[in-house]
């Protein structure tokens, strides 16, 4: 299996595992639901939350990942699950994980790739 296919498989497996862990969460209001979105064509992978919190509409990413130029870009992680560490533990090296939610000026000071 080539590197990109391996990364796609890892990302899908990890996001699916998160969904399985959080499906029965009592923290999230019943009116909200999470779903996975996997687009292998554009290499975009999400856990998307949608629904209502009272009168307020909720629709946005809980976790957002992309594969860009052979690296996994963590664009958003609104969890306490340390997504970058999960990806590393699953076999993606830090040198191939970019914390896209961090400003470019901060990335050199992280343990992860800068771009």
PDB file of N, CA and C in Angstrom:
ATOM      1  N   UNK A   1       0.851  -1.174   0.000  1.00  0.00           N
ATOM      2  CA  UNK A   1       0.000   0.000   0.000  1.00  0.00           C
ATOM      3  C   UNK A   1       0.898   1.238   0.000  1.00  0.00           C
ATOM      4  N   UNK A   2       0.634   2.175  -0.912  1.00  0.00           N
ATOM      5  CA  UNK A   2       1.469   3.375  -0.964  1.00  0.00           C
ATOM      6  C   UNK A   2       1.141   4.307   0.207  1.00  0.00           C
ATOM      7  N   UNK A   3       1.999   5.283   0.407  1.00  0.00           N
ATOM      8  CA  UNK A   3       1.901   6.175   1.562  1.00  0.00           C
ATOM      9  C   UNK A   3       0.554   6.894   1.623  1.00  0.00           C
ATOM     10  N   UNK A   4       0.109   7.466   0.512  1.00  0.00           N
ATOM     11  CA  UNK A   4      -1.150   8.214   0.528  1.00  0.00           C
ATOM     12  C   UNK A   4      -2.333   7.315   0.842  1.00  0.00           C
ATOM     13  N   UNK A   5      -2.335   6.127   0.275  1.00  0.00           N
ATOM     14  CA  UNK A   5      -3.427   5.192   0.557  1.00  0.00           C
ATOM     15  C   UNK A   5      -3.400   4.782   2.027  1.00  0.00           C
ATOM     16  N   UNK A   6      -2.212   4.602   2.568  1.00  0.00           N
ATOM     17  CA  UNK A   6      -2.078   4.272   3.986  1.00  0.00           C
ATOM     18  C   UNK A   6      -2.618   5.415   4.839  1.00  0.00           C
ATOM     19  N   UNK A   7      -2.280   6.651   4.502  1.00  0.00           N
ATOM     20  CA  UNK A   7      -2.765   7.801   5.266  1.00  0.00           C
ATOM     21  C   UNK A   7      -4.278   7.915   5.190  1.00  0.00           C
ATOM     22  N   UNK A   8      -4.850   7.710   4.010  1.00  0.00           N
ATOM     23  CA  UNK A   8      -6.313   7.753   3.860  1.00  0.00           C
ATOM     24  C   UNK A   8      -6.975   6.719   4.768  1.00  0.00           C
ATOM     25  N   UNK A   9      -6.429   5.525   4.759  1.00  0.00           N
ATOM     26  CA  UNK A   9      -6.990   4.445   5.568  1.00  0.00           C
ATOM     27  C   UNK A   9      -6.896   4.770   7.055  1.00  0.00           C
ATOM     28  N   UNK A  10      -5.760   5.283   7.490  1.00  0.00           N
ATOM     29  CA  UNK A  10      -5.577   5.647   8.900  1.00  0.00           C
ATOM     30  C   UNK A  10      -6.566   6.737   9.293  1.00  0.00           C
ATOM     31  N   UNK A  11      -6.683   7.773   8.485  1.00  0.00           N
ATOM     32  CA  UNK A  11      -7.589   8.882   8.795  1.00  0.00           C
ATOM     33  C   UNK A  11      -9.024   8.377   8.914  1.00  0.00           C
ATOM     34  N   UNK A  12      -9.467   7.598   7.951  1.00  0.00           N
ATOM     35  CA  UNK A  12     -10.837   7.090   7.984  1.00  0.00           C
ATOM     36  C   UNK A  12     -11.063   6.201   9.203  1.00  0.00           C
ATOM     37  N   UNK A  13     -10.089   5.370   9.518  1.00  0.00           N
ATOM     38  CA  UNK A  13     -10.213   4.485  10.682  1.00  0.00           C
ATOM     39  C   UNK A  13     -10.294   5.287  11.980  1.00  0.00           C
ATOM     40  N   UNK A  14      -9.441   6.310  12.113  1.00  0.00           N
ATOM     41  CA  UNK A  14      -9.433   7.110  13.341  1.00  0.00           C
ATOM     42  C   UNK A  14     -10.713   7.928  13.498  1.00  0.00           C
ATOM     43  N   UNK A  15     -11.184   8.533  12.418  1.00  0.00           N
ATOM     44  CA  UNK A  15     -12.421   9.320  12.514  1.00  0.00           C
ATOM     45  C   UNK A  15     -13.619   8.421  12.805  1.00  0.00           C
ATOM     46  N   UNK A  16     -13.638   7.242  12.216  1.00  0.00           N
ATOM     47  CA  UNK A  16     -14.711   6.287  12.501  1.00  0.00           C
ATOM     48  C   UNK A  16     -14.666   5.857  13.961  1.00  0.00           C
ATOM     49  N   UNK A  17     -13.481   5.617  14.491  1.00  0.00           N
ATOM     50  CA  UNK A  17     -13.341   5.226  15.900  1.00  0.00           C
ATOM     51  C   UNK A  17     -13.829   6.336  16.824  1.00  0.00           C
ATOM     52  N   UNK A  18     -13.507   7.579  16.493  1.00  0.00           N
ATOM     53  CA  UNK A  18     -13.985   8.707  17.304  1.00  0.00           C
ATOM     54  C   UNK A  18     -15.505   8.744  17.287  1.00  0.00           C
ATOM     55  N   UNK A  19     -16.088   8.564  16.116  1.00  0.00           N
ATOM     56  CA  UNK A  19     -17.552   8.561  16.018  1.00  0.00           C
ATOM     57  C   UNK A  19     -18.150   7.450  16.872  1.00  0.00           C
ATOM     58  N   UNK A  20     -17.562   6.280  16.847  1.00  0.00           N
ATOM     59  CA  UNK A  20     -18.069   5.164  17.644  1.00  0.00           C
ATOM     60  C   UNK A  20     -17.950   5.452  19.132  1.00  0.00           C
ATOM     61  N   UNK A  21     -16.888   6.139  19.538  1.00  0.00           N
ATOM     62  CA  UNK A  21     -16.680   6.471  20.950  1.00  0.00           C
ATOM     63  C   UNK A  21     -17.660   7.528  21.434  1.00  0.00           C
ATOM     64  N   UNK A  22     -18.032   8.451  20.555  1.00  0.00           N
ATOM     65  CA  UNK A  22     -18.826   9.602  20.990  1.00  0.00           C
ATOM     66  C   UNK A  22     -20.299   9.518  20.613  1.00  0.00           C
ATOM     67  N   UNK A  23     -20.712   8.459  19.930  1.00  0.00           N
ATOM     68  CA  UNK A  23     -22.100   8.355  19.473  1.00  0.00           C
ATOM     69  C   UNK A  23     -23.089   8.432  20.627  1.00  0.00           C
ATOM     70  N   UNK A  24     -22.775   7.840  21.730  1.00  0.00           N
ATOM     71  CA  UNK A  24     -23.703   7.799  22.859  1.00  0.00           C
ATOM     72  C   UNK A  24     -23.326   8.793  23.953  1.00  0.00           C
ATOM     73  N   UNK A  25     -22.649   9.853  23.573  1.00  0.00           N
ATOM     74  CA  UNK A  25     -22.210  10.855  24.538  1.00  0.00           C
ATOM     75  C   UNK A  25     -23.406  11.547  25.181  1.00  0.00           C
ATOM     76  N   UNK A  26     -23.345  11.704  26.490  1.00  0.00           N
ATOM     77  CA  UNK A  26     -24.397  12.450  27.189  1.00  0.00           C
ATOM     78  C   UNK A  26     -24.048  13.928  27.277  1.00  0.00           C
ATOM     79  N   UNK A  27     -22.848  14.288  26.852  1.00  0.00           N
ATOM     80  CA  UNK A  27     -22.422  15.687  26.876  1.00  0.00           C
ATOM     81  C   UNK A  27     -23.095  16.469  25.758  1.00  0.00           C
ATOM     82  N   UNK A  28     -23.227  15.867  24.595  1.00  0.00           N
ATOM     83  CA  UNK A  28     -23.778  16.536  23.425  1.00  0.00           C
ATOM     84  C   UNK A  28     -25.304  16.530  23.504  1.00  0.00           C
ATOM     85  N   UNK A  29     -25.947  17.687  23.294  1.00  0.00           N
ATOM     86  CA  UNK A  29     -27.416  17.723  23.295  1.00  0.00           C
ATOM     87  C   UNK A  29     -27.993  16.794  22.226  1.00  0.00           C
ATOM     88  N   UNK A  30     -29.169  16.257  22.502  1.00  0.00           N
ATOM     89  CA  UNK A  30     -29.819  15.308  21.605  1.00  0.00           C
ATOM     90  C   UNK A  30     -30.080  15.917  20.233  1.00  0.00           C
ATOM     91  N   UNK A  31     -30.288  17.223  20.168  1.00  0.00           N
ATOM     92  CA  UNK A  31     -30.618  17.875  18.903  1.00  0.00           C
ATOM     93  C   UNK A  31     -29.413  18.018  17.976  1.00  0.00           C
ATOM     94  N   UNK A  32     -28.235  17.657  18.443  1.00  0.00           N
ATOM     95  CA  UNK A  32     -27.026  17.727  17.619  1.00  0.00           C
ATOM     96  C   UNK A  32     -26.633  16.327  17.182  1.00  0.00           C
ATOM     97  N   UNK A  33     -26.141  16.222  15.950  1.00  0.00           N
ATOM     98  CA  UNK A  33     -25.626  14.928  15.501  1.00  0.00           C
ATOM     99  C   UNK A  33     -24.313  15.145  14.766  1.00  0.00           C
ATOM    100  N   UNK A  34     -23.451  14.181  14.895  1.00  0.00           N
ATOM    101  CA  UNK A  34     -22.161  14.196  14.211  1.00  0.00           C
ATOM    102  C   UNK A  34     -22.196  13.168  13.095  1.00  0.00           C
ATOM    103  N   UNK A  35     -21.469  13.460  12.021  1.00  0.00           N
ATOM    104  CA  UNK A  35     -21.349  12.491  10.937  1.00  0.00           C
ATOM    105  C   UNK A  35     -19.970  12.616  10.318  1.00  0.00           C
ATOM    106  N   UNK A  36     -19.492  11.514   9.764  1.00  0.00           N
ATOM    107  CA  UNK A  36     -18.213  11.541   9.058  1.00  0.00           C
ATOM    108  C   UNK A  36     -18.460  11.861   7.594  1.00  0.00           C
ATOM    109  N   UNK A  37     -17.519  12.591   7.020  1.00  0.00           N
ATOM    110  CA  UNK A  37     -17.537  12.909   5.593  1.00  0.00           C
ATOM    111  C   UNK A  37     -16.147  12.573   5.062  1.00  0.00           C
ATOM    112  N   UNK A  38     -16.070  11.608   4.164  1.00  0.00           N
ATOM    113  CA  UNK A  38     -14.800  11.183   3.580  1.00  0.00           C
ATOM    114  C   UNK A  38     -14.844  11.453   2.080  1.00  0.00           C
ATOM    115  N   UNK A  39     -13.971  12.312   1.593  1.00  0.00           N
ATOM    116  CA  UNK A  39     -13.883  12.590   0.160  1.00  0.00           C
ATOM    117  C   UNK A  39     -12.470  12.237  -0.294  1.00  0.00           C
ATOM    118  N   UNK A  40     -12.297  11.038  -0.784  1.00  0.00           N
ATOM    119  CA  UNK A  40     -10.976  10.577  -1.228  1.00  0.00           C
ATOM    120  C   UNK A  40     -10.522  11.292  -2.491  1.00  0.00           C
ATOM    121  N   UNK A  41     -11.445  11.793  -3.266  1.00  0.00           N
ATOM    122  CA  UNK A  41     -11.078  12.480  -4.508  1.00  0.00           C
ATOM    123  C   UNK A  41     -10.320  13.775  -4.214  1.00  0.00           C
ATOM    124  N   UNK A  42     -10.805  14.541  -3.233  1.00  0.00           N
ATOM    125  CA  UNK A  42     -10.115  15.787  -2.872  1.00  0.00           C
ATOM    126  C   UNK A  42      -9.297  15.633  -1.591  1.00  0.00           C
ATOM    127  N   UNK A  43      -9.272  14.409  -1.034  1.00  0.00           N
ATOM    128  CA  UNK A  43      -8.546  14.114   0.206  1.00  0.00           C
ATOM    129  C   UNK A  43      -8.950  15.043   1.348  1.00  0.00           C
ATOM    130  N   UNK A  44     -10.253  15.142   1.555  1.00  0.00           N
ATOM    131  CA  UNK A  44     -10.817  15.950   2.637  1.00  0.00           C
ATOM    132  C   UNK A  44     -11.649  15.027   3.532  1.00  0.00           C
ATOM    133  N   UNK A  45     -11.389  15.076   4.845  1.00  0.00           N
ATOM    134  CA  UNK A  45     -12.004  14.153   5.794  1.00  0.00           C
ATOM    135  C   UNK A  45     -12.487  14.948   7.003  1.00  0.00           C
ATOM    136  N   UNK A  46     -13.757  14.742   7.378  1.00  0.00           N
ATOM    137  CA  UNK A  46     -14.360  15.553   8.434  1.00  0.00           C
ATOM    138  C   UNK A  46     -15.171  14.709   9.398  1.00  0.00           C
ATOM    139  N   UNK A  47     -15.270  15.209  10.617  1.00  0.00           N
ATOM    140  CA  UNK A  47     -16.407  14.907  11.473  1.00  0.00           C
ATOM    141  C   UNK A  47     -17.164  16.223  11.529  1.00  0.00           C
ATOM    142  N   UNK A  48     -18.391  16.187  11.065  1.00  0.00           N
ATOM    143  CA  UNK A  48     -19.211  17.380  10.950  1.00  0.00           C
ATOM    144  C   UNK A  48     -20.319  17.318  11.989  1.00  0.00           C
ATOM    145  N   UNK A  49     -20.522  18.399  12.707  1.00  0.00           N
ATOM    146  CA  UNK A  49     -21.608  18.488  13.693  1.00  0.00           C
ATOM    147  C   UNK A  49     -22.681  19.409  13.142  1.00  0.00           C
ATOM    148  N   UNK A  50     -23.929  18.964  13.265  1.00  0.00           N
ATOM    149  CA  UNK A  50     -25.035  19.788  12.796  1.00  0.00           C
ATOM    150  C   UNK A  50     -26.254  19.573  13.677  1.00  0.00           C
ATOM    151  N   UNK A  51     -27.092  20.588  13.702  1.00  0.00           N
ATOM    152  CA  UNK A  51     -28.320  20.507  14.476  1.00  0.00           C
ATOM    153  C   UNK A  51     -28.616  21.833  15.150  1.00  0.00           C
ATOM    154  N   UNK A  52     -29.306  21.731  16.268  1.00  0.00           N
ATOM    155  CA  UNK A  52     -29.735  22.928  16.989  1.00  0.00           C
ATOM    156  C   UNK A  52     -29.350  22.830  18.455  1.00  0.00           C
ATOM    157  N   UNK A  53     -28.881  23.927  18.992  1.00  0.00           N
ATOM    158  CA  UNK A  53     -28.621  24.087  20.420  1.00  0.00           C
ATOM    159  C   UNK A  53     -29.603  25.154  20.881  1.00  0.00           C
ATOM    160  N   UNK A  54     -30.781  24.710  21.274  1.00  0.00           N
ATOM    161  CA  UNK A  54     -31.853  25.658  21.565  1.00  0.00           C
ATOM    162  C   UNK A  54     -32.284  26.331  20.273  1.00  0.00           C
ATOM    163  N   UNK A  55     -32.185  27.660  20.236  1.00  0.00           N
ATOM    164  CA  UNK A  55     -32.563  28.421  19.038  1.00  0.00           C
ATOM    165  C   UNK A  55     -31.367  28.692  18.128  1.00  0.00           C
ATOM    166  N   UNK A  56     -30.193  28.204  18.510  1.00  0.00           N
ATOM    167  CA  UNK A  56     -28.972  28.487  17.748  1.00  0.00           C
ATOM    168  C   UNK A  56     -28.622  27.326  16.818  1.00  0.00           C
ATOM    169  N   UNK A  57     -28.432  27.621  15.544  1.00  0.00           N
ATOM    170  CA  UNK A  57     -28.057  26.617  14.548  1.00  0.00           C
ATOM    171  C   UNK A  57     -26.572  26.293  14.670  1.00  0.00           C
ATOM    172  N   UNK A  58     -26.264  25.013  14.660  1.00  0.00           N
ATOM    173  CA  UNK A  58     -24.886  24.526  14.719  1.00  0.00           C
ATOM    174  C   UNK A  58     -24.610  23.768  13.424  1.00  0.00           C
ATOM    175  N   UNK A  59     -23.534  24.130  12.760  1.00  0.00           N
ATOM    176  CA  UNK A  59     -23.125  23.394  11.560  1.00  0.00           C
ATOM    177  C   UNK A  59     -21.653  23.705  11.306  1.00  0.00           C
ATOM    178  N   UNK A  60     -20.793  22.736  11.548  1.00  0.00           N
ATOM    179  CA  UNK A  60     -19.376  22.974  11.319  1.00  0.00           C
ATOM    180  C   UNK A  60     -18.538  21.773  11.690  1.00  0.00           C
ATOM    181  N   UNK A  61     -17.248  21.855  11.387  1.00  0.00           N
ATOM    182  CA  UNK A  61     -16.364  20.714  11.630  1.00  0.00           C
ATOM    183  C   UNK A  61     -16.006  20.560  13.104  1.00  0.00           C
ATOM    184  N   UNK A  62     -16.002  19.322  13.549  1.00  0.00           N
ATOM    185  CA  UNK A  62     -15.447  18.970  14.851  1.00  0.00           C
ATOM    186  C   UNK A  62     -13.974  18.634  14.646  1.00  0.00           C
ATOM    187  N   UNK A  63     -13.706  17.860  13.599  1.00  0.00           N
ATOM    188  CA  UNK A  63     -12.345  17.542  13.164  1.00  0.00           C
ATOM    189  C   UNK A  63     -12.310  17.709  11.647  1.00  0.00           C
ATOM    190  N   UNK A  64     -11.270  18.359  11.156  1.00  0.00           N
ATOM    191  CA  UNK A  64     -11.096  18.543   9.713  1.00  0.00           C
ATOM    192  C   UNK A  64      -9.659  18.196   9.344  1.00  0.00           C
ATOM    193  N   UNK A  65      -9.518  17.257   8.417  1.00  0.00           N
ATOM    194  CA  UNK A  65      -8.207  16.807   7.940  1.00  0.00           C
ATOM    195  C   UNK A  65      -8.181  16.840   6.422  1.00  0.00           C
ATOM    196  N   UNK A  66      -7.024  17.175   5.870  1.00  0.00           N
ATOM    197  CA  UNK A  66      -6.815  17.112   4.428  1.00  0.00           C
ATOM    198  C   UNK A  66      -5.441  16.511   4.165  1.00  0.00           C
ATOM    199  N   UNK A  67      -5.301  15.866   3.038  1.00  0.00           N
ATOM    200  CA  UNK A  67      -3.980  15.449   2.580  1.00  0.00           C
ATOM    201  C   UNK A  67      -3.599  16.412   1.470  1.00  0.00           C
ATOM    202  N   UNK A  68      -2.525  17.162   1.711  1.00  0.00           N
ATOM    203  CA  UNK A  68      -2.045  18.170   0.764  1.00  0.00           C
ATOM    204  C   UNK A  68      -0.558  17.917   0.531  1.00  0.00           C
ATOM    205  N   UNK A  69      -0.187  17.734  -0.722  1.00  0.00           N
ATOM    206  CA  UNK A  69       1.217  17.493  -1.083  1.00  0.00           C
ATOM    207  C   UNK A  69       1.857  16.392  -0.238  1.00  0.00           C
ATOM    208  N   UNK A  70       1.108  15.326  -0.011  1.00  0.00           N
ATOM    209  CA  UNK A  70       1.644  14.165   0.686  1.00  0.00           C
ATOM    210  C   UNK A  70       1.695  14.274   2.194  1.00  0.00           C
ATOM    211  N   UNK A  71       1.177  15.366   2.745  1.00  0.00           N
ATOM    212  CA  UNK A  71       1.168  15.538   4.200  1.00  0.00           C
ATOM    213  C   UNK A  71      -0.265  15.657   4.699  1.00  0.00           C
ATOM    214  N   UNK A  72      -0.474  15.229   5.933  1.00  0.00           N
ATOM    215  CA  UNK A  72      -1.790  15.303   6.549  1.00  0.00           C
ATOM    216  C   UNK A  72      -1.898  16.631   7.287  1.00  0.00           C
ATOM    217  N   UNK A  73      -2.828  17.456   6.838  1.00  0.00           N
ATOM    218  CA  UNK A  73      -3.066  18.765   7.443  1.00  0.00           C
ATOM    219  C   UNK A  73      -4.243  18.654   8.398  1.00  0.00           C
ATOM    220  N   UNK A  74      -3.986  18.896   9.671  1.00  0.00           N
ATOM    221  CA  UNK A  74      -5.044  18.951  10.675  1.00  0.00           C
ATOM    222  C   UNK A  74      -5.542  20.396  10.702  1.00  0.00           C
ATOM    223  N   UNK A  75      -6.663  20.641  10.033  1.00  0.00           N
ATOM    224  CA  UNK A  75      -7.176  22.003   9.870  1.00  0.00           C
ATOM    225  C   UNK A  75      -7.998  22.460  11.069  1.00  0.00           C
ATOM    226  N   UNK A  76      -8.649  21.513  11.746  1.00  0.00           N
ATOM    227  CA  UNK A  76      -9.449  21.846  12.928  1.00  0.00           C
ATOM    228  C   UNK A  76      -9.513  20.621  13.821  1.00  0.00           C
ATOM    229  N   UNK A  77      -9.431  20.855  15.117  1.00  0.00           N
ATOM    230  CA  UNK A  77      -9.610  19.790  16.106  1.00  0.00           C
ATOM    231  C   UNK A  77     -10.315  20.397  17.308  1.00  0.00           C
ATOM    232  N   UNK A  78     -11.637  20.322  17.296  1.00  0.00           N
ATOM    233  CA  UNK A  78     -12.445  20.864  18.386  1.00  0.00           C
ATOM    234  C   UNK A  78     -12.855  19.733  19.325  1.00  0.00           C
ATOM    235  N   UNK A  79     -11.875  18.930  19.696  1.00  0.00           N
ATOM    236  CA  UNK A  79     -12.090  17.819  20.618  1.00  0.00           C
ATOM    237  C   UNK A  79     -11.019  17.893  21.699  1.00  0.00           C
ATOM    238  N   UNK A  80     -11.144  17.036  22.671  1.00  0.00           N
ATOM    239  CA  UNK A  80     -10.077  16.884  23.667  1.00  0.00           C
ATOM    240  C   UNK A  80      -9.334  15.567  23.432  1.00  0.00           C
ATOM    241  N   UNK A  81      -9.396  15.066  22.192  1.00  0.00           N
ATOM    242  CA  UNK A  81      -8.853  13.743  21.870  1.00  0.00           C
ATOM    243  C   UNK A  81      -7.451  13.771  21.283  1.00  0.00           C
ATOM    244  N   UNK A  82      -6.859  14.951  21.148  1.00  0.00           N
ATOM    245  CA  UNK A  82      -5.484  15.079  20.649  1.00  0.00           C
ATOM    246  C   UNK A  82      -5.298  14.347  19.319  1.00  0.00           C
ATOM    247  N   UNK A  83      -5.989  14.848  18.330  1.00  0.00           N
ATOM    248  CA  UNK A  83      -6.030  14.188  17.026  1.00  0.00           C
ATOM    249  C   UNK A  83      -4.642  13.991  16.423  1.00  0.00           C
ATOM    250  N   UNK A  84      -3.765  14.969  16.538  1.00  0.00           N
ATOM    251  CA  UNK A  84      -2.419  14.823  15.970  1.00  0.00           C
ATOM    252  C   UNK A  84      -1.692  13.639  16.611  1.00  0.00           C
ATOM    253  N   UNK A  85      -1.819  13.490  17.912  1.00  0.00           N
ATOM    254  CA  UNK A  85      -1.178  12.366  18.596  1.00  0.00           C
ATOM    255  C   UNK A  85      -1.800  11.037  18.178  1.00  0.00           C
ATOM    256  N   UNK A  86      -3.109  11.026  17.985  1.00  0.00           N
ATOM    257  CA  UNK A  86      -3.775   9.801  17.520  1.00  0.00           C
ATOM    258  C   UNK A  86      -3.243   9.389  16.156  1.00  0.00           C
ATOM    259  N   UNK A  87      -3.082  10.370  15.265  1.00  0.00           N
ATOM    260  CA  UNK A  87      -2.566  10.069  13.927  1.00  0.00           C
ATOM    261  C   UNK A  87      -1.144   9.520  14.010  1.00  0.00           C
ATOM    262  N   UNK A  88      -0.349  10.134  14.869  1.00  0.00           N
ATOM    263  CA  UNK A  88       1.031   9.664  15.049  1.00  0.00           C
ATOM    264  C   UNK A  88       1.046   8.237  15.600  1.00  0.00           C
ATOM    265  N   UNK A  89       0.238   7.990  16.629  1.00  0.00           N
ATOM    266  CA  UNK A  89       0.167   6.648  17.214  1.00  0.00           C
ATOM    267  C   UNK A  89      -0.303   5.605  16.198  1.00  0.00           C
ATOM    268  N   UNK A  90      -1.101   6.054  15.223  1.00  0.00           N
ATOM    269  CA  UNK A  90      -1.631   5.141  14.204  1.00  0.00           C
ATOM    270  C   UNK A  90      -0.644   4.894  13.065  1.00  0.00           C
ATOM    271  N   UNK A  91       0.482   5.632  13.041  1.00  0.00           N
ATOM    272  CA  UNK A  91       1.503   5.349  12.043  1.00  0.00           C
ATOM    273  C   UNK A  91       1.893   6.480  11.117  1.00  0.00           C
ATOM    274  N   UNK A  92       1.323   7.663  11.301  1.00  0.00           N
ATOM    275  CA  UNK A  92       1.715   8.804  10.469  1.00  0.00           C
ATOM    276  C   UNK A  92       2.801   9.571  11.222  1.00  0.00           C
ATOM    277  N   UNK A  93       3.993   9.711  10.645  1.00  0.00           N
ATOM    278  CA  UNK A  93       5.075  10.392  11.366  1.00  0.00           C
ATOM    279  C   UNK A  93       4.794  11.886  11.540  1.00  0.00           C
ATOM    280  N   UNK A  94       5.321  12.447  12.624  1.00  0.00           N
ATOM    281  CA  UNK A  94       5.168  13.884  12.887  1.00  0.00           C
ATOM    282  C   UNK A  94       5.624  14.721  11.705  1.00  0.00           C
ATOM    283  N   UNK A  95       6.623  14.245  10.992  1.00  0.00           N
ATOM    284  CA  UNK A  95       7.157  14.990   9.851  1.00  0.00           C
ATOM    285  C   UNK A  95       6.158  15.083   8.699  1.00  0.00           C
ATOM    286  N   UNK A  96       5.074  14.312   8.768  1.00  0.00           N
ATOM    287  CA  UNK A  96       4.032  14.356   7.740  1.00  0.00           C
ATOM    288  C   UNK A  96       2.696  14.866   8.281  1.00  0.00           C
ATOM    289  N   UNK A  97       2.704  15.445   9.470  1.00  0.00           N
ATOM    290  CA  UNK A  97       1.489  16.027  10.051  1.00  0.00           C
ATOM    291  C   UNK A  97       1.714  17.520  10.205  1.00  0.00           C
ATOM    292  N   UNK A  98       0.828  18.312   9.610  1.00  0.00           N
ATOM    293  CA  UNK A  98       0.900  19.773   9.700  1.00  0.00           C
ATOM    294  C   UNK A  98      -0.277  20.248  10.544  1.00  0.00           C
ATOM    295  N   UNK A  99       0.010  21.062  11.548  1.00  0.00           N
ATOM    296  CA  UNK A  99      -1.052  21.652  12.359  1.00  0.00           C
ATOM    297  C   UNK A  99      -1.548  22.906  11.647  1.00  0.00           C
ATOM    298  N   UNK A 100      -2.449  22.704  10.692  1.00  0.00           N
ATOM    299  CA  UNK A 100      -2.925  23.796   9.853  1.00  0.00           C
ATOM    300  C   UNK A 100      -3.665  24.875  10.610  1.00  0.00           C
ATOM    301  N   UNK A 101      -4.185  24.544  11.798  1.00  0.00           N
ATOM    302  CA  UNK A 101      -4.895  25.545  12.598  1.00  0.00           C
ATOM    303  C   UNK A 101      -3.932  26.493  13.311  1.00  0.00           C
ATOM    304  N   UNK A 102      -2.648  26.156  13.310  1.00  0.00           N
ATOM    305  CA  UNK A 102      -1.631  27.037  13.891  1.00  0.00           C
ATOM    306  C   UNK A 102      -1.134  28.016  12.828  1.00  0.00           C
ATOM    307  N   UNK A 103      -0.877  29.266  13.196  1.00  0.00           N
ATOM    308  CA  UNK A 103      -0.311  30.207  12.223  1.00  0.00           C
ATOM    309  C   UNK A 103       1.041  29.701  11.713  1.00  0.00           C
ATOM    310  N   UNK A 104       1.374  29.989  10.453  1.00  0.00           N
ATOM    311  CA  UNK A 104       2.664  29.544   9.907  1.00  0.00           C
ATOM    312  C   UNK A 104       3.855  29.980  10.762  1.00  0.00           C
ATOM    313  N   UNK A 105       3.761  31.121  11.416  1.00  0.00           N
ATOM    314  CA  UNK A 105       4.875  31.607  12.243  1.00  0.00           C
ATOM    315  C   UNK A 105       5.074  30.767  13.505  1.00  0.00           C
ATOM    316  N   UNK A 106       4.048  30.045  13.935  1.00  0.00           N
ATOM    317  CA  UNK A 106       4.126  29.219  15.145  1.00  0.00           C
ATOM    318  C   UNK A 106       4.559  27.783  14.824  1.00  0.00           C
ATOM    319  N   UNK A 107       4.235  27.307  13.641  1.00  0.00           N
ATOM    320  CA  UNK A 107       4.485  25.896  13.289  1.00  0.00           C
ATOM    321  C   UNK A 107       5.921  25.433  13.487  1.00  0.00           C
ATOM    322  N   UNK A 108       6.957  26.263  13.221  1.00  0.00           N
ATOM    323  CA  UNK A 108       8.324  25.775  13.446  1.00  0.00           C
ATOM    324  C   UNK A 108       8.613  25.424  14.912  1.00  0.00           C
ATOM    325  N   UNK A 109       7.798  25.931  15.828  1.00  0.00           N
ATOM    326  CA  UNK A 109       8.023  25.686  17.253  1.00  0.00           C
ATOM    327  C   UNK A 109       7.230  24.490  17.769  1.00  0.00           C
ATOM    328  N   UNK A 110       6.454  23.859  16.886  1.00  0.00           N
ATOM    329  CA  UNK A 110       5.746  22.642  17.269  1.00  0.00           C
ATOM    330  C   UNK A 110       6.635  21.453  16.922  1.00  0.00           C
ATOM    331  N   UNK A 111       6.211  20.289  17.324  1.00  0.00           N
ATOM    332  CA  UNK A 111       6.960  19.069  17.012  1.00  0.00           C
ATOM    333  C   UNK A 111       6.591  18.518  15.639  1.00  0.00           C
ATOM    334  N   UNK A 112       5.729  19.226  14.930  1.00  0.00           N
ATOM    335  CA  UNK A 112       5.173  18.709  13.683  1.00  0.00           C
ATOM    336  C   UNK A 112       5.712  19.461  12.474  1.00  0.00           C
ATOM    337  N   UNK A 113       5.312  19.009  11.283  1.00  0.00           N
ATOM    338  CA  UNK A 113       5.772  19.625  10.033  1.00  0.00           C
ATOM    339  C   UNK A 113       5.271  21.062   9.934  1.00  0.00           C
ATOM    340  N   UNK A 114       6.006  21.879   9.182  1.00  0.00           N
ATOM    341  CA  UNK A 114       5.610  23.283   9.015  1.00  0.00           C
ATOM    342  C   UNK A 114       4.723  23.474   7.796  1.00  0.00           C
ATOM    343  N   UNK A 115       4.857  22.650   6.798  1.00  0.00           N
ATOM    344  CA  UNK A 115       4.007  22.711   5.587  1.00  0.00           C
ATOM    345  C   UNK A 115       4.327  21.535   4.691  1.00  0.00           C
TER     346      UNK A 115
END
